[in-house]
Protein backbone atom coordinates (compact mmCIF):
# COMPACT_ATOMS: atom_id res chain seq x y z
CA UNK A 1 -11.21 7.71 4.78
CA UNK A 2 -10.07 11.11 5.81
CA UNK A 3 -6.72 12.50 4.99
CA UNK A 4 -6.74 15.00 6.60
CA UNK A 5 -5.76 12.76 10.09
CA UNK A 6 -2.00 12.57 9.16
CA UNK A 7 -0.38 16.31 9.61
CA UNK A 8 2.08 16.41 6.86
CA UNK A 9 1.00 13.64 4.46
CA UNK A 10 -1.41 12.23 2.45
CA UNK A 11 -2.63 8.80 1.06
CA UNK A 12 -3.19 8.30 -2.49
CA UNK A 13 -2.82 5.61 -4.87
CA UNK A 14 0.18 5.63 -6.82
CA UNK A 15 0.72 5.55 -10.73
CA UNK A 16 2.21 3.87 -13.33
CA UNK A 17 5.28 6.21 -13.81
CA UNK A 18 5.91 6.14 -9.58
CA UNK A 19 7.55 3.13 -9.43
CA UNK A 20 10.32 4.87 -7.90
CA UNK A 21 9.04 6.53 -5.14
CA UNK A 22 7.26 2.85 -4.33
CA UNK A 23 10.80 1.10 -4.57
CA UNK A 24 13.01 4.42 -2.59
CA UNK A 25 9.90 3.35 -0.47
CA UNK A 26 11.17 -0.13 0.18
CA UNK A 27 14.82 0.64 0.18
CA UNK A 28 14.96 2.47 3.10
CA UNK A 29 12.17 0.04 5.33
CA UNK A 30 15.31 -1.20 7.95
CA UNK A 31 16.14 -4.93 7.83
CA UNK A 32 13.84 -5.76 10.54
CA UNK A 33 10.80 -3.68 8.54
CA UNK A 34 12.53 -5.38 5.01
CA UNK A 35 11.85 -8.57 7.00
CA UNK A 36 8.52 -8.11 8.12
CA UNK A 37 7.62 -7.02 5.07
CA UNK A 38 9.03 -9.47 2.61
CA UNK A 39 8.64 -12.60 5.63
CA UNK A 40 12.97 -13.15 4.84
CA UNK A 41 15.68 -10.44 4.81
CA UNK A 42 15.84 -9.15 1.43
CA UNK A 43 17.96 -7.89 -0.90
CA UNK A 44 18.84 -4.00 -2.33
CA UNK A 45 18.80 -5.95 -5.86
CA UNK A 46 15.49 -7.61 -4.98
CA UNK A 47 14.11 -4.49 -3.99
CA UNK A 48 14.39 -2.87 -6.98
CA UNK A 49 13.40 -5.53 -9.36
CA UNK A 50 9.93 -6.00 -7.12
CA UNK A 51 9.10 -2.77 -7.37
CA UNK A 52 10.09 -2.22 -11.40
CA UNK A 53 7.36 -5.06 -11.95
CA UNK A 54 4.48 -3.13 -9.79
CA UNK A 55 2.73 -2.37 -12.67
CA UNK A 56 2.58 -5.45 -14.63
CA UNK A 57 2.58 -7.61 -11.79
CA UNK A 58 -1.33 -5.59 -12.03
CA UNK A 59 -0.56 -4.73 -8.22
CA UNK A 60 -2.56 -1.42 -7.27
CA UNK A 61 -0.47 0.68 -4.80
CA UNK A 62 -2.11 3.09 -1.90
CA UNK A 63 1.72 5.53 -0.53
CA UNK A 64 0.84 7.71 2.84
CA UNK A 65 3.30 10.91 0.72
CA UNK A 66 4.97 13.59 2.32
CA UNK A 67 6.52 16.03 0.64
CA UNK A 68 6.50 13.56 -2.47
CA UNK A 69 8.61 10.21 -0.72
CA UNK A 70 6.91 7.25 0.04
CA UNK A 71 6.40 6.63 3.71
CA UNK A 72 4.36 3.80 3.57
CA UNK A 73 2.40 1.16 0.84
CA UNK A 74 -0.16 -1.17 0.87
CA UNK A 75 -0.41 -3.31 -2.50
CA UNK A 76 -3.53 -5.22 -3.67
CA UNK A 77 -2.27 -7.90 -5.80
CA UNK A 78 -4.73 -9.99 -8.33
CA UNK A 79 -4.04 -13.66 -8.17
CA UNK A 80 -3.72 -15.00 -12.02
CA UNK A 81 -4.15 -12.70 -14.94
CA UNK A 82 -7.10 -11.13 -14.28
CA UNK A 83 -9.13 -9.35 -11.22
CA UNK A 84 -11.08 -12.89 -10.12
CA UNK A 85 -12.34 -13.39 -6.39
CA UNK A 86 -9.28 -14.26 -4.43
CA UNK A 87 -6.41 -11.28 -3.66
CA UNK A 88 -3.42 -10.64 -1.85
CA UNK A 89 -2.51 -7.95 0.15
CA UNK A 90 0.95 -6.85 1.57
CA UNK A 91 1.94 -3.54 3.76
CA UNK A 92 5.17 -2.04 4.69
CA UNK A 93 5.74 1.16 7.44
CA UNK A 94 8.87 3.03 7.55
CA UNK A 95 9.47 2.88 11.59
CA UNK A 96 9.55 6.81 12.04
CA UNK A 97 5.88 6.63 10.56
CA UNK A 98 3.99 3.66 12.16
CA UNK A 99 1.56 3.56 15.66
CA UNK A 100 0.59 6.55 13.83
CA UNK A 101 -2.59 5.07 11.88
CA UNK A 102 -1.60 4.87 8.70
CA UNK A 103 -1.12 0.90 8.19
CA UNK A 104 -5.02 0.74 9.60
CA UNK A 105 -5.74 3.13 6.73
CA UNK A 106 -3.89 1.93 4.13
CA UNK A 107 -6.01 -1.50 4.64
CA UNK A 108 -9.06 0.32 4.20
CA UNK A 109 -8.09 1.30 1.05
CA UNK A 110 -6.51 -1.90 0.38
CA UNK A 111 -10.57 -3.58 1.14
CA UNK A 112 -12.11 -1.05 -0.39
CA UNK A 113 -10.14 -1.80 -3.58
CA UNK A 114 -10.57 -5.43 -3.66
CA UNK A 115 -14.52 -4.54 -2.58
CA UNK A 116 -14.68 -2.42 -6.05
CA UNK A 117 -13.46 -5.16 -7.99
CA UNK A 118 -15.14 -8.32 -6.76
CA UNK A 119 -13.12 -9.37 -4.76
CA UNK A 120 -14.90 -11.77 -2.54
CA UNK A 121 -11.36 -13.22 -0.17
CA UNK A 122 -8.56 -11.37 0.44
CA UNK A 123 -5.76 -12.49 1.61
CA UNK A 124 -2.44 -11.39 3.94
CA UNK A 125 0.40 -13.01 5.41
CA UNK A 126 2.97 -12.17 8.42
CA UNK A 127 5.16 -13.50 10.55
CA UNK A 128 3.64 -14.68 13.52
CA UNK A 129 6.00 -12.87 15.76
CA UNK A 130 4.26 -9.37 13.64
CA UNK A 131 1.50 -8.76 16.00
CA UNK A 132 1.21 -4.74 14.09
CA UNK A 133 -0.11 -6.49 10.66
CA UNK A 134 -2.46 -8.77 13.38
CA UNK A 135 -3.66 -5.65 15.10
CA UNK A 136 -4.53 -3.78 11.70
CA UNK A 137 -6.59 -7.43 10.23
CA UNK A 138 -8.40 -7.73 13.44
CA UNK A 139 -9.92 -4.25 13.60
CA UNK A 140 -11.06 -4.82 9.58
CA UNK A 141 -12.38 -8.11 10.58
CA UNK A 142 -9.60 -10.47 9.81
CA UNK A 143 -9.80 -14.68 10.10
CA UNK A 144 -6.22 -15.16 11.04
CA UNK A 145 -5.35 -18.86 11.11
CA UNK A 146 -1.58 -19.40 11.96
CA UNK A 147 -0.06 -21.96 9.67
CA UNK A 148 3.57 -23.17 9.71
CA UNK A 149 5.60 -19.49 11.46
CA UNK A 150 3.25 -17.57 10.26
CA UNK A 151 -0.45 -15.65 10.23
CA UNK A 152 -2.77 -15.36 7.24
CA UNK A 153 -5.86 -13.37 6.98
CA UNK A 154 -8.54 -13.78 5.22
CA UNK A 155 -10.50 -10.33 5.24
CA UNK A 156 -14.65 -10.90 3.05
CA UNK A 157 -14.42 -7.54 1.24
CA UNK A 158 -18.94 -6.65 0.91
CA UNK A 159 -19.83 -6.16 -2.74
CA UNK A 160 -19.24 -2.80 -4.39
CA UNK A 161 -22.35 -0.38 -4.26
CA UNK A 162 -22.78 2.92 -5.32
CA UNK A 163 -20.38 4.73 -2.27
CA UNK A 164 -17.79 2.92 -2.54
CA UNK A 165 -17.06 3.24 -5.94
CA UNK A 166 -17.25 7.49 -6.38
CA UNK A 167 -15.15 7.05 -3.37
CA UNK A 168 -12.55 5.63 -5.10
CA UNK A 169 -12.95 7.73 -8.16
CA UNK A 170 -13.49 11.10 -6.43
CA UNK A 171 -9.72 9.97 -4.00
CA UNK A 172 -8.17 8.51 -8.02
CA UNK A 173 -8.67 12.71 -8.98
CA UNK A 174 -7.91 13.64 -6.22
CA UNK A 175 -4.57 12.08 -5.75
CA UNK A 176 -3.84 12.27 -9.36
CA UNK A 177 -4.29 15.78 -9.30
CA UNK A 178 -2.04 15.71 -6.38
CA UNK A 179 0.78 13.59 -7.80
CA UNK A 180 0.60 16.68 -11.12
CA UNK A 181 1.67 19.05 -8.19
CA UNK A 182 4.41 17.03 -6.89
CA UNK A 183 5.96 16.32 -10.47
CA UNK A 184 5.39 20.12 -10.53
CA UNK A 185 6.76 20.68 -7.80
CA UNK A 186 9.81 18.66 -8.26
CA UNK A 187 11.03 19.83 -12.02
CA UNK A 188 10.60 23.65 -10.37
CA UNK A 189 12.92 22.76 -7.10
CA UNK A 190 15.13 20.70 -9.91
CA UNK A 191 14.91 23.58 -12.08
CA UNK A 192 15.97 26.38 -8.73
CA UNK A 193 19.42 24.43 -7.94
CA UNK A 194 20.84 24.28 -11.64
CA UNK A 195 20.12 27.98 -11.38
């Protein structure tokens, strides 16, 4: 999975200290994108509460980051108190960044993260009219089932191996370094604007 396909941005894991970036992304989603993400309309307070619980829900969140802002996100959420056989995935991409392969790349990261945590069945749920999400799921060989106005996708990740574990570890180190550099850059901009 290449970081270089996305001019001006990169995909990396978001750290628990970055819930504000996740929240800001979800708040920027237009009404239709929010409905597609949550399967119904949600208010700003709902989004703020949801994002604030990112780490306590046990989610692993990957973000497409441009100049320190998240413009797309994918969540891998454990079902239960610990990582087990099953998990759930959810995605959101801001309108201006859709149709660029970002959702597909995010899905690949989520599948690998699930694989590395011993997940053998990954669920993804979307509205029946969300053709973009269904196309992404099909690219990753999801079994799609239509139920009561929504589509349930099931993906069976391969077992973890040395290379999948190593790839995630290397990306985590690079992502952490990028998060630190972003934090330093924001602090320098604040200091410069205060001067």
